[in-house]
Amino acid sequence: MKIKKGDNVMVISGKDRGKTGAVERVLVDKEKVLIAGVAIAKHHLKPSKKDPQGGIVTMPTPIAVSNVMLVCPHCGKPVRIAQRVSATMKERICRKCQGNLDTKTQVTTKVKEKHVK
């Protein structure tokens, strides 16, 4: 998946189209993300020992990764993600301005060396 925890994303389809927020959690196996303040649902709780009153709780619901786009910190626009691979590092870059998308977290993955015999 090209979207990571902490990325600023914009919803591009669905009832929350146009809203932006930070990714709180990435569900890799389901290909979904949880975004702060977006796709809020109400959950009704029955009274229990833990919560004797019961009530209605609001909680974010996961959104499919295909319905969000990363917002570039340089351009400020929703963009597609490309990867630049050098001899030692692999980093995510913006398709529009060619800026590094990992500048905020300074996380880049090391490229595995191939053993040639």
Protein backbone atom coordinates (compact mmCIF):
# COMPACT_ATOMS: atom_id res chain seq x y z
CA MET A 1 0.00 0.00 0.00
CA LYS A 2 1.24 3.46 -0.84
CA ILE A 3 -0.55 5.26 2.00
CA LYS A 4 0.97 5.18 5.49
CA LYS A 5 -0.09 6.14 8.99
CA GLY A 6 0.20 9.90 9.53
CA ASP A 7 -0.28 10.86 5.86
CA ASN A 8 -2.68 13.69 5.05
CA VAL A 9 -5.30 12.38 2.60
CA MET A 10 -8.42 13.65 0.80
CA VAL A 11 -11.55 11.56 0.21
CA ILE A 12 -12.33 11.50 -3.53
CA SER A 13 -15.61 9.56 -3.58
CA GLY A 14 -18.51 8.72 -1.31
CA LYS A 15 -20.60 10.76 1.09
CA ASP A 16 -17.52 12.49 2.58
CA ARG A 17 -16.05 13.59 -0.77
CA GLY A 18 -13.70 16.56 -0.43
CA LYS A 19 -12.92 16.10 3.28
CA THR A 20 -9.30 15.83 4.39
CA GLY A 21 -7.69 14.31 7.44
CA ALA A 22 -4.73 12.41 8.81
CA VAL A 23 -4.58 8.63 8.54
CA GLU A 24 -4.94 7.13 12.03
CA ARG A 25 -4.65 3.47 11.10
CA VAL A 26 -3.98 1.36 8.00
CA LEU A 27 -5.79 -1.98 7.65
CA VAL A 28 -3.53 -3.73 5.14
CA ASP A 29 -5.42 -7.03 4.92
CA LYS A 30 -8.74 -5.27 4.16
CA GLU A 31 -7.12 -2.48 2.06
CA LYS A 32 -8.82 0.23 4.14
CA VAL A 33 -7.75 3.25 6.19
CA LEU A 34 -9.16 5.05 9.22
CA ILE A 35 -9.12 8.84 8.84
CA ALA A 36 -9.58 11.30 11.70
CA GLY A 37 -12.90 13.19 11.47
CA VAL A 38 -14.10 11.45 8.30
CA ALA A 39 -16.77 8.73 7.85
CA ILE A 40 -18.16 9.05 11.36
CA ALA A 41 -20.84 6.47 12.27
CA LYS A 42 -23.08 6.18 15.32
CA HIS A 43 -22.97 2.94 17.31
CA HIS A 44 -25.74 2.12 19.79
CA LEU A 45 -24.57 0.49 23.03
CA LYS A 46 -26.75 -1.68 25.26
CA PRO A 47 -26.52 -1.04 29.01
CA SER A 48 -23.82 -3.17 30.65
CA LYS A 49 -21.80 -3.22 33.87
CA LYS A 50 -19.10 -1.17 32.20
CA ASP A 51 -21.61 1.39 30.87
CA PRO A 52 -24.85 1.08 32.88
CA GLN A 53 -26.56 3.92 31.01
CA GLY A 54 -25.86 2.62 27.50
CA GLY A 55 -26.11 5.26 24.80
CA ILE A 56 -24.90 6.29 21.38
CA VAL A 57 -21.19 6.48 20.57
CA THR A 58 -19.68 8.08 17.43
CA MET A 59 -16.73 6.30 15.88
CA PRO A 60 -14.81 6.51 12.58
CA THR A 61 -15.37 3.75 10.04
CA PRO A 62 -12.76 2.46 7.58
CA ILE A 63 -12.65 3.82 4.02
CA ALA A 64 -11.29 1.89 1.03
CA VAL A 65 -7.81 3.00 -0.05
CA SER A 66 -9.08 3.44 -3.62
CA ASN A 67 -11.40 6.23 -2.39
CA VAL A 68 -8.63 8.45 -0.97
CA MET A 69 -5.69 10.37 -2.47
CA LEU A 70 -2.59 11.61 -0.71
CA VAL A 71 -2.28 15.40 -0.34
CA CYS A 72 1.22 16.60 -1.24
CA PRO A 73 2.80 18.79 1.49
CA HIS A 74 4.59 20.85 -1.21
CA CYS A 75 1.75 21.41 -3.76
CA GLY A 76 -1.18 21.15 -1.34
CA LYS A 77 -3.11 19.17 -3.97
CA PRO A 78 -4.28 15.54 -4.04
CA VAL A 79 -1.70 13.63 -6.08
CA ARG A 80 -0.70 10.21 -7.29
CA ILE A 81 2.35 8.61 -5.75
CA ALA A 82 5.47 7.51 -7.62
CA GLN A 83 8.57 5.79 -6.27
CA ARG A 84 12.15 6.84 -6.83
CA VAL A 85 14.66 4.04 -6.36
CA SER A 86 18.34 4.79 -5.91
CA ALA A 87 21.15 2.35 -5.17
CA THR A 88 20.39 2.27 -1.45
CA MET A 89 16.97 3.88 -0.82
CA LYS A 90 13.39 3.79 -2.09
CA GLU A 91 11.23 6.89 -1.46
CA ARG A 92 7.74 8.12 -2.35
CA ILE A 93 7.54 11.21 -4.57
CA CYS A 94 4.76 13.47 -5.88
CA ARG A 95 3.77 12.97 -9.53
CA LYS A 96 3.04 16.70 -10.02
CA CYS A 97 5.95 18.52 -8.36
CA GLN A 98 8.45 15.63 -7.94
CA GLY A 99 8.75 16.53 -4.23
CA ASN A 100 9.59 13.93 -1.61
CA LEU A 101 6.47 12.79 0.29
CA ASP A 102 8.50 11.26 3.12
CA THR A 103 10.11 14.55 4.21
CA LYS A 104 7.77 14.90 7.19
CA THR A 105 8.63 11.54 8.72
CA GLN A 106 12.03 10.98 7.07
CA VAL A 107 11.10 7.33 6.52
CA THR A 108 12.56 5.69 3.47
CA THR A 109 13.03 1.99 3.00
CA LYS A 110 16.35 0.41 2.19
CA VAL A 111 16.60 -1.54 -1.04
CA LYS A 112 17.64 -5.15 -0.55
CA GLU A 113 20.92 -6.05 -2.19
CA LYS A 114 20.91 -8.88 -4.68
CA HIS A 115 23.51 -11.53 -4.15
CA VAL A 116 25.24 -12.22 -7.46
CA LYS A 117 27.38 -15.35 -7.75
